[in-house]
Amino acid sequence: MGVLLELPADLRSELKDPLGPIYQDADELLAAAGEPVVAVGDIVTYHLLEAGYYPALALVDGKTKRERVRESVREATTGFGERIELESPAGALSAAILEALVAERGGSTLVEVLGEEDLAALPAVLVLPDGASVVYGQPDQGMVLATVTPELREQVRELLDSFVGNHERAYEILGV
């Protein structure tokens, strides 16, 4: 699967703190969001689509809280300009998922991840320009709006530096 970085068990608790404010309403979140928007997670993507907004990139895995999403959530992911499928195991970042984050595309792209997409929010922060937004779910609370800033990028880089694996190759793919 080309795993480059794995989340150590002792770091899991650090990822529970949101990287930005939490919203329950997609319209309010979108009013505060910068462009481009990367959505990580099936439910987040569903809410953005229901609000009539297609993110530049959406990563989904067909699950929420480790359970299959409702069929209506899966069916809502139509209308993307491009659809790709890749593998990335739970608790890890594969080369394929990192490459998907930096690939040049026009329009909106849906990435269907075989495995788990949760950690993709972290490298997305590293590759997006200042002012861009990464939106991901905070279980049982809502949608986190992480606005990319140099400070957030530094915070995320420190987190990723704590992962186990081939940082040099991961950062090379990301171009950071």
C-alpha atoms as a PDB file:
ATOM      1  CA  MET A   1       0.000   0.000   0.000  1.00  0.00           C
ATOM      2  CA  GLY A   2       2.988   2.318   0.089  1.00  0.00           C
ATOM      3  CA  VAL A   3       2.617   3.461   3.710  1.00  0.00           C
ATOM      4  CA  LEU A   4       4.945   6.356   4.412  1.00  0.00           C
ATOM      5  CA  LEU A   5       3.814   7.631   7.818  1.00  0.00           C
ATOM      6  CA  GLU A   6       2.044   5.852  10.669  1.00  0.00           C
ATOM      7  CA  LEU A   7       0.335   7.405  13.651  1.00  0.00           C
ATOM      8  CA  PRO A   8       1.898   6.145  16.903  1.00  0.00           C
ATOM      9  CA  ALA A   9      -0.651   5.088  19.525  1.00  0.00           C
ATOM     10  CA  ASP A  10       0.626   7.626  22.067  1.00  0.00           C
ATOM     11  CA  LEU A  11      -0.082  10.500  19.659  1.00  0.00           C
ATOM     12  CA  ARG A  12      -3.770   9.669  19.114  1.00  0.00           C
ATOM     13  CA  SER A  13      -4.918  11.841  22.035  1.00  0.00           C
ATOM     14  CA  GLU A  14      -3.172  14.907  20.546  1.00  0.00           C
ATOM     15  CA  LEU A  15      -5.287  14.604  17.414  1.00  0.00           C
ATOM     16  CA  LYS A  16      -8.523  14.969  19.376  1.00  0.00           C
ATOM     17  CA  ASP A  17      -8.073  18.758  19.650  1.00  0.00           C
ATOM     18  CA  PRO A  18      -9.667  20.476  16.628  1.00  0.00           C
ATOM     19  CA  LEU A  19      -7.429  22.557  14.332  1.00  0.00           C
ATOM     20  CA  GLY A  20     -10.049  25.302  14.125  1.00  0.00           C
ATOM     21  CA  PRO A  21     -13.601  26.279  15.084  1.00  0.00           C
ATOM     22  CA  ILE A  22     -16.378  23.683  14.966  1.00  0.00           C
ATOM     23  CA  TYR A  23     -19.550  24.329  12.968  1.00  0.00           C
ATOM     24  CA  GLN A  24     -22.835  22.435  12.882  1.00  0.00           C
ATOM     25  CA  ASP A  25     -24.205  24.439   9.950  1.00  0.00           C
ATOM     26  CA  ALA A  26     -22.565  24.019   6.523  1.00  0.00           C
ATOM     27  CA  ASP A  27     -23.732  27.426   5.259  1.00  0.00           C
ATOM     28  CA  GLU A  28     -22.123  29.185   8.234  1.00  0.00           C
ATOM     29  CA  LEU A  29     -18.925  27.195   7.739  1.00  0.00           C
ATOM     30  CA  LEU A  30     -18.826  28.022   4.019  1.00  0.00           C
ATOM     31  CA  ALA A  31     -19.351  31.725   4.747  1.00  0.00           C
ATOM     32  CA  ALA A  32     -16.156  31.625   6.849  1.00  0.00           C
ATOM     33  CA  ALA A  33     -14.158  29.316   4.560  1.00  0.00           C
ATOM     34  CA  GLY A  34     -11.399  30.351   2.191  1.00  0.00           C
ATOM     35  CA  GLU A  35     -10.645  28.824  -1.208  1.00  0.00           C
ATOM     36  CA  PRO A  36      -9.814  26.186  -2.150  1.00  0.00           C
ATOM     37  CA  VAL A  37     -11.654  23.860   0.232  1.00  0.00           C
ATOM     38  CA  VAL A  38     -10.515  20.297   0.879  1.00  0.00           C
ATOM     39  CA  ALA A  39     -13.116  18.131   2.627  1.00  0.00           C
ATOM     40  CA  VAL A  40     -11.995  15.065   4.563  1.00  0.00           C
ATOM     41  CA  GLY A  41     -14.732  12.614   5.500  1.00  0.00           C
ATOM     42  CA  ASP A  42     -18.010  11.292   4.176  1.00  0.00           C
ATOM     43  CA  ILE A  43     -20.350  13.213   6.481  1.00  0.00           C
ATOM     44  CA  VAL A  44     -18.517  16.524   6.018  1.00  0.00           C
ATOM     45  CA  THR A  45     -18.560  16.060   2.245  1.00  0.00           C
ATOM     46  CA  TYR A  46     -22.265  15.181   2.383  1.00  0.00           C
ATOM     47  CA  HIS A  47     -23.111  18.361   4.322  1.00  0.00           C
ATOM     48  CA  LEU A  48     -21.130  20.560   1.930  1.00  0.00           C
ATOM     49  CA  LEU A  49     -22.839  18.953  -1.079  1.00  0.00           C
ATOM     50  CA  GLU A  50     -26.256  19.322   0.566  1.00  0.00           C
ATOM     51  CA  ALA A  51     -25.440  23.045   0.934  1.00  0.00           C
ATOM     52  CA  GLY A  52     -24.840  23.129  -2.838  1.00  0.00           C
ATOM     53  CA  TYR A  53     -21.057  23.392  -2.587  1.00  0.00           C
ATOM     54  CA  TYR A  54     -18.503  21.130  -4.290  1.00  0.00           C
ATOM     55  CA  PRO A  55     -15.094  21.231  -2.598  1.00  0.00           C
ATOM     56  CA  ALA A  56     -12.004  21.277  -4.825  1.00  0.00           C
ATOM     57  CA  LEU A  57     -11.068  17.914  -3.307  1.00  0.00           C
ATOM     58  CA  ALA A  58     -13.130  15.568  -1.154  1.00  0.00           C
ATOM     59  CA  LEU A  59     -11.743  12.413   0.445  1.00  0.00           C
ATOM     60  CA  VAL A  60     -14.210   9.728   1.559  1.00  0.00           C
ATOM     61  CA  ASP A  61     -13.957   6.120   2.703  1.00  0.00           C
ATOM     62  CA  GLY A  62     -17.602   5.051   2.967  1.00  0.00           C
ATOM     63  CA  LYS A  63     -17.449   5.044   6.780  1.00  0.00           C
ATOM     64  CA  THR A  64     -18.193   7.268   9.722  1.00  0.00           C
ATOM     65  CA  LYS A  65     -16.984   6.356  13.201  1.00  0.00           C
ATOM     66  CA  ARG A  66     -15.827   3.037  11.678  1.00  0.00           C
ATOM     67  CA  GLU A  67     -19.380   2.133  10.526  1.00  0.00           C
ATOM     68  CA  ARG A  68     -20.656   2.206   6.937  1.00  0.00           C
ATOM     69  CA  VAL A  69     -22.354   5.461   6.037  1.00  0.00           C
ATOM     70  CA  ARG A  70     -26.023   5.530   5.067  1.00  0.00           C
ATOM     71  CA  GLU A  71     -26.730   4.874   1.399  1.00  0.00           C
ATOM     72  CA  SER A  72     -28.076   8.435   1.011  1.00  0.00           C
ATOM     73  CA  VAL A  73     -24.648   9.783   2.045  1.00  0.00           C
ATOM     74  CA  ARG A  74     -22.866   7.598  -0.537  1.00  0.00           C
ATOM     75  CA  GLU A  75     -25.377   8.482  -3.254  1.00  0.00           C
ATOM     76  CA  ALA A  76     -24.870  12.222  -2.651  1.00  0.00           C
ATOM     77  CA  THR A  77     -21.282  12.085  -3.920  1.00  0.00           C
ATOM     78  CA  THR A  78     -22.244  12.409  -7.561  1.00  0.00           C
ATOM     79  CA  GLY A  79     -21.438  15.343  -9.794  1.00  0.00           C
ATOM     80  CA  PHE A  80     -17.710  15.593  -9.132  1.00  0.00           C
ATOM     81  CA  GLY A  81     -15.620  16.399 -12.186  1.00  0.00           C
ATOM     82  CA  GLU A  82     -13.228  13.555 -11.455  1.00  0.00           C
ATOM     83  CA  ARG A  83     -13.357  10.438  -9.301  1.00  0.00           C
ATOM     84  CA  ILE A  84     -10.289   8.447  -8.262  1.00  0.00           C
ATOM     85  CA  GLU A  85      -9.770   5.454  -6.003  1.00  0.00           C
ATOM     86  CA  LEU A  86      -6.703   4.760  -3.887  1.00  0.00           C
ATOM     87  CA  GLU A  87      -5.537   2.834  -0.840  1.00  0.00           C
ATOM     88  CA  SER A  88      -4.459   4.168   2.546  1.00  0.00           C
ATOM     89  CA  PRO A  89      -4.745   2.021   5.670  1.00  0.00           C
ATOM     90  CA  ALA A  90      -6.245   3.160   8.966  1.00  0.00           C
ATOM     91  CA  GLY A  91      -3.867   5.129  11.160  1.00  0.00           C
ATOM     92  CA  ALA A  92      -1.447   5.804   8.312  1.00  0.00           C
ATOM     93  CA  LEU A  93      -0.735   7.978   5.298  1.00  0.00           C
ATOM     94  CA  SER A  94       0.104   6.229   2.045  1.00  0.00           C
ATOM     95  CA  ALA A  95       2.113   7.653  -0.833  1.00  0.00           C
ATOM     96  CA  ALA A  96      -1.075   7.489  -2.931  1.00  0.00           C
ATOM     97  CA  ILE A  97      -3.078   9.723  -0.590  1.00  0.00           C
ATOM     98  CA  LEU A  98      -0.241  12.266  -0.415  1.00  0.00           C
ATOM     99  CA  GLU A  99       0.051  12.252  -4.218  1.00  0.00           C
ATOM    100  CA  ALA A 100      -3.727  12.848  -4.499  1.00  0.00           C
ATOM    101  CA  LEU A 101      -3.385  15.967  -2.354  1.00  0.00           C
ATOM    102  CA  VAL A 102      -0.839  17.584  -4.683  1.00  0.00           C
ATOM    103  CA  ALA A 103      -2.078  16.414  -8.098  1.00  0.00           C
ATOM    104  CA  GLU A 104      -3.044  19.242 -10.460  1.00  0.00           C
ATOM    105  CA  ARG A 105      -6.717  19.058 -11.349  1.00  0.00           C
ATOM    106  CA  GLY A 106      -9.415  21.380 -12.544  1.00  0.00           C
ATOM    107  CA  GLY A 107     -12.888  21.442 -11.063  1.00  0.00           C
ATOM    108  CA  SER A 108     -13.776  19.176  -8.183  1.00  0.00           C
ATOM    109  CA  THR A 109     -12.372  15.730  -7.435  1.00  0.00           C
ATOM    110  CA  LEU A 110     -13.703  12.937  -5.253  1.00  0.00           C
ATOM    111  CA  VAL A 111     -11.086  10.578  -3.833  1.00  0.00           C
ATOM    112  CA  GLU A 112     -12.518   7.263  -2.661  1.00  0.00           C
ATOM    113  CA  VAL A 113     -10.103   5.783  -0.147  1.00  0.00           C
ATOM    114  CA  LEU A 114      -9.943   2.036   0.395  1.00  0.00           C
ATOM    115  CA  GLY A 115      -8.939   1.996   4.044  1.00  0.00           C
ATOM    116  CA  GLU A 116      -9.222   5.283   5.914  1.00  0.00           C
ATOM    117  CA  GLU A 117      -8.969   8.955   4.951  1.00  0.00           C
ATOM    118  CA  ASP A 118      -9.068  10.581   8.417  1.00  0.00           C
ATOM    119  CA  LEU A 119      -5.412  11.615   8.623  1.00  0.00           C
ATOM    120  CA  ALA A 120      -5.427  13.319   5.190  1.00  0.00           C
ATOM    121  CA  ALA A 121      -6.475  16.601   6.822  1.00  0.00           C
ATOM    122  CA  LEU A 122      -2.945  16.980   8.214  1.00  0.00           C
ATOM    123  CA  PRO A 123      -0.923  16.866   4.979  1.00  0.00           C
ATOM    124  CA  ALA A 124      -3.692  18.882   3.259  1.00  0.00           C
ATOM    125  CA  VAL A 125      -2.861  21.769   5.614  1.00  0.00           C
ATOM    126  CA  LEU A 126       0.776  21.555   4.533  1.00  0.00           C
ATOM    127  CA  VAL A 127       0.112  21.790   0.800  1.00  0.00           C
ATOM    128  CA  LEU A 128      -2.690  24.338   0.586  1.00  0.00           C
ATOM    129  CA  PRO A 129      -2.009  28.078   0.261  1.00  0.00           C
ATOM    130  CA  ASP A 130      -2.535  30.490   3.126  1.00  0.00           C
ATOM    131  CA  GLY A 131      -6.223  31.255   3.569  1.00  0.00           C
ATOM    132  CA  ALA A 132      -7.388  27.944   2.093  1.00  0.00           C
ATOM    133  CA  SER A 133      -9.603  25.649   4.165  1.00  0.00           C
ATOM    134  CA  VAL A 134      -9.497  22.048   5.285  1.00  0.00           C
ATOM    135  CA  VAL A 135     -12.828  20.803   6.611  1.00  0.00           C
ATOM    136  CA  TYR A 136     -13.073  17.570   8.560  1.00  0.00           C
ATOM    137  CA  GLY A 137     -15.430  15.972  11.060  1.00  0.00           C
ATOM    138  CA  GLN A 138     -15.137  16.127  14.823  1.00  0.00           C
ATOM    139  CA  PRO A 139     -17.157  13.085  15.966  1.00  0.00           C
ATOM    140  CA  ASP A 140     -20.440  13.993  17.677  1.00  0.00           C
ATOM    141  CA  GLN A 141     -19.596  17.725  17.553  1.00  0.00           C
ATOM    142  CA  GLY A 142     -19.639  18.955  13.970  1.00  0.00           C
ATOM    143  CA  MET A 143     -17.326  20.112  11.204  1.00  0.00           C
ATOM    144  CA  VAL A 144     -13.915  21.608  11.908  1.00  0.00           C
ATOM    145  CA  LEU A 145     -12.835  24.525   9.724  1.00  0.00           C
ATOM    146  CA  ALA A 146      -9.038  24.623   9.648  1.00  0.00           C
ATOM    147  CA  THR A 147      -7.895  27.801   7.901  1.00  0.00           C
ATOM    148  CA  VAL A 148      -4.361  27.431   6.572  1.00  0.00           C
ATOM    149  CA  THR A 149      -1.853  29.851   8.096  1.00  0.00           C
ATOM    150  CA  PRO A 150       1.908  29.626   8.549  1.00  0.00           C
ATOM    151  CA  GLU A 151       1.280  28.937  12.263  1.00  0.00           C
ATOM    152  CA  LEU A 152      -1.161  26.087  11.583  1.00  0.00           C
ATOM    153  CA  ARG A 153       1.216  24.660   8.982  1.00  0.00           C
ATOM    154  CA  GLU A 154       4.017  24.649  11.586  1.00  0.00           C
ATOM    155  CA  GLN A 155       1.763  22.994  14.191  1.00  0.00           C
ATOM    156  CA  VAL A 156       0.753  20.276  11.705  1.00  0.00           C
ATOM    157  CA  ARG A 157       4.348  19.745  10.577  1.00  0.00           C
ATOM    158  CA  GLU A 158       5.362  19.127  14.210  1.00  0.00           C
ATOM    159  CA  LEU A 159       2.539  16.578  14.535  1.00  0.00           C
ATOM    160  CA  LEU A 160       3.565  14.780  11.346  1.00  0.00           C
ATOM    161  CA  ASP A 161       7.215  14.816  12.471  1.00  0.00           C
ATOM    162  CA  SER A 162       6.030  12.724  15.446  1.00  0.00           C
ATOM    163  CA  PHE A 163       4.642  10.022  13.137  1.00  0.00           C
ATOM    164  CA  VAL A 164       6.735   6.936  12.427  1.00  0.00           C
ATOM    165  CA  GLY A 165       8.040   6.378   8.915  1.00  0.00           C
ATOM    166  CA  ASN A 166       9.752   7.932   5.938  1.00  0.00           C
ATOM    167  CA  HIS A 167       9.316  11.672   6.508  1.00  0.00           C
ATOM    168  CA  GLU A 168      11.821  12.586   3.816  1.00  0.00           C
ATOM    169  CA  ARG A 169       9.825  10.783   1.107  1.00  0.00           C
ATOM    170  CA  ALA A 170       6.482  12.041   2.430  1.00  0.00           C
ATOM    171  CA  TYR A 171       7.617  15.675   2.414  1.00  0.00           C
ATOM    172  CA  GLU A 172       9.210  15.196  -0.995  1.00  0.00           C
ATOM    173  CA  ILE A 173       5.846  14.075  -2.430  1.00  0.00           C
ATOM    174  CA  LEU A 174       4.109  17.004  -0.740  1.00  0.00           C
ATOM    175  CA  GLY A 175       6.745  19.441  -1.955  1.00  0.00           C
ATOM    176  CA  VAL A 176       7.334  20.881   1.514  1.00  0.00           C
END
